[in-house]
Each structure stands twice: as structure tokens, then as C-alpha cells.
C-alpha atoms as a PDB file:
ATOM      1  CA  MET A   1      55.139  19.615  31.437  1.00  0.00           C
ATOM      2  CA  ASN A   2      52.966  20.951  34.264  1.00  0.00           C
ATOM      3  CA  CYS A   3      54.447  22.748  37.256  1.00  0.00           C
ATOM      4  CA  PRO A   4      54.586  20.469  40.312  1.00  0.00           C
ATOM      5  CA  LEU A   5      53.895  23.443  42.606  1.00  0.00           C
ATOM      6  CA  CYS A   6      50.960  25.294  41.031  1.00  0.00           C
ATOM      7  CA  GLY A   7      49.870  22.796  38.369  1.00  0.00           C
ATOM      8  CA  GLY A   8      50.138  25.428  35.627  1.00  0.00           C
ATOM      9  CA  ASN A   9      51.304  24.586  32.139  1.00  0.00           C
ATOM     10  CA  SER A  10      53.269  27.790  31.462  1.00  0.00           C
ATOM     11  CA  THR A  11      56.604  26.058  31.841  1.00  0.00           C
ATOM     12  CA  GLY A  12      59.725  26.183  29.739  1.00  0.00           C
ATOM     13  CA  LYS A  13      62.869  24.113  29.575  1.00  0.00           C
ATOM     14  CA  VAL A  14      65.967  25.949  30.841  1.00  0.00           C
ATOM     15  CA  GLY A  15      68.451  23.081  30.925  1.00  0.00           C
ATOM     16  CA  ASN A  16      68.866  19.340  30.941  1.00  0.00           C
ATOM     17  CA  ASN A  17      65.863  18.121  32.994  1.00  0.00           C
ATOM     18  CA  GLN A  18      65.369  21.675  34.350  1.00  0.00           C
ATOM     19  CA  TYR A  19      62.234  23.751  33.860  1.00  0.00           C
ATOM     20  CA  TYR A  20      60.908  27.192  34.814  1.00  0.00           C
ATOM     21  CA  CYS A  21      57.300  28.037  35.703  1.00  0.00           C
ATOM     22  CA  TRP A  22      56.122  31.434  34.483  1.00  0.00           C
ATOM     23  CA  ASP A  23      53.008  31.234  36.693  1.00  0.00           C
ATOM     24  CA  CYS A  24      54.664  30.863  40.118  1.00  0.00           C
ATOM     25  CA  TYR A  25      58.267  31.825  39.189  1.00  0.00           C
ATOM     26  CA  VAL A  26      60.053  28.716  40.414  1.00  0.00           C
ATOM     27  CA  GLU A  27      62.552  26.439  38.751  1.00  0.00           C
ATOM     28  CA  PHE A  28      62.301  22.687  39.110  1.00  0.00           C
ATOM     29  CA  SER A  29      64.262  19.654  38.039  1.00  0.00           C
ATOM     30  CA  VAL A  30      63.159  16.102  37.356  1.00  0.00           C
ATOM     31  CA  ASN A  31      65.634  13.267  37.942  1.00  0.00           C
ATOM     32  CA  HIS A  32      64.653   9.597  38.197  1.00  0.00           C
ATOM     33  CA  ASN A  33      60.997  10.546  38.892  1.00  0.00           C
ATOM     34  CA  LYS A  34      62.078  12.837  41.763  1.00  0.00           C
ATOM     35  CA  VAL A  35      61.088  16.496  41.483  1.00  0.00           C
ATOM     36  CA  THR A  36      63.120  19.193  43.234  1.00  0.00           C
ATOM     37  CA  ILE A  37      61.725  22.742  43.376  1.00  0.00           C
ATOM     38  CA  TYR A  38      63.916  25.843  43.645  1.00  0.00           C
ATOM     39  CA  GLU A  39      63.271  29.540  44.235  1.00  0.00           C
ATOM     40  CA  LEU A  40      65.360  32.175  42.519  1.00  0.00           C
ATOM     41  CA  ALA A  41      67.139  34.443  45.005  1.00  0.00           C
ATOM     42  CA  ASP A  42      67.602  38.150  44.341  1.00  0.00           C
ATOM     43  CA  ASP A  43      71.172  37.498  43.190  1.00  0.00           C
ATOM     44  CA  GLY A  44      70.057  34.773  40.764  1.00  0.00           C
ATOM     45  CA  THR A  45      71.147  31.744  42.768  1.00  0.00           C
ATOM     46  CA  LEU A  46      68.827  28.786  43.231  1.00  0.00           C
ATOM     47  CA  LEU A  47      67.571  28.003  46.726  1.00  0.00           C
ATOM     48  CA  PRO A  48      65.577  24.928  47.706  1.00  0.00           C
ATOM     49  CA  TYR A  49      61.905  25.945  47.825  1.00  0.00           C
ATOM     50  CA  GLY A  50      60.965  27.466  51.198  1.00  0.00           C
ATOM     51  CA  GLU A  51      64.549  28.151  52.296  1.00  0.00           C
ATOM     52  CA  ASN A  52      64.354  31.805  51.202  1.00  0.00           C
ATOM     53  CA  GLU A  53      61.590  32.470  53.764  1.00  0.00           C
ATOM     54  CA  ALA A  54      63.678  30.906  56.534  1.00  0.00           C
ATOM     55  CA  VAL A  55      66.595  33.195  55.688  1.00  0.00           C
ATOM     56  CA  LYS A  56      64.321  36.271  55.745  1.00  0.00           C
ATOM     57  CA  GLY A  57      63.024  35.322  59.198  1.00  0.00           C
ATOM     58  CA  ARG A  58      66.457  35.499  60.844  1.00  0.00           C
END
């Protein structure tokens, strides 16, 4: 499985239809051909990709 964000192949399965990319440090899920990308927050929670930057800008 290649990462949908960086295209790298250093990914691992972390759950049912959930994967982690060791190249760009994001988690992503694949459901019904729809890919959702998440960032890991400092406290370990998953945030939709790009939302972490919006929170920092406040």
C-alpha cells in the first residue's frame, strides 16, 4: 500500500483499513475507495489532515 500523501511505500497496517506512513508520519484509512488522511496530535489523537495547522494559527 502506497501513502496517498507522499506516495511512499513505507506504510504499515495499524487497524482495520487503517495504515501509517513512516515517511510523512500520517495515518490514513481506506473505506469504499475513499481515503481519509489524519495527522497525529501531540496528545496522540487523530486530526483530519491540515486541521492541526489551523489550530496553531489561532
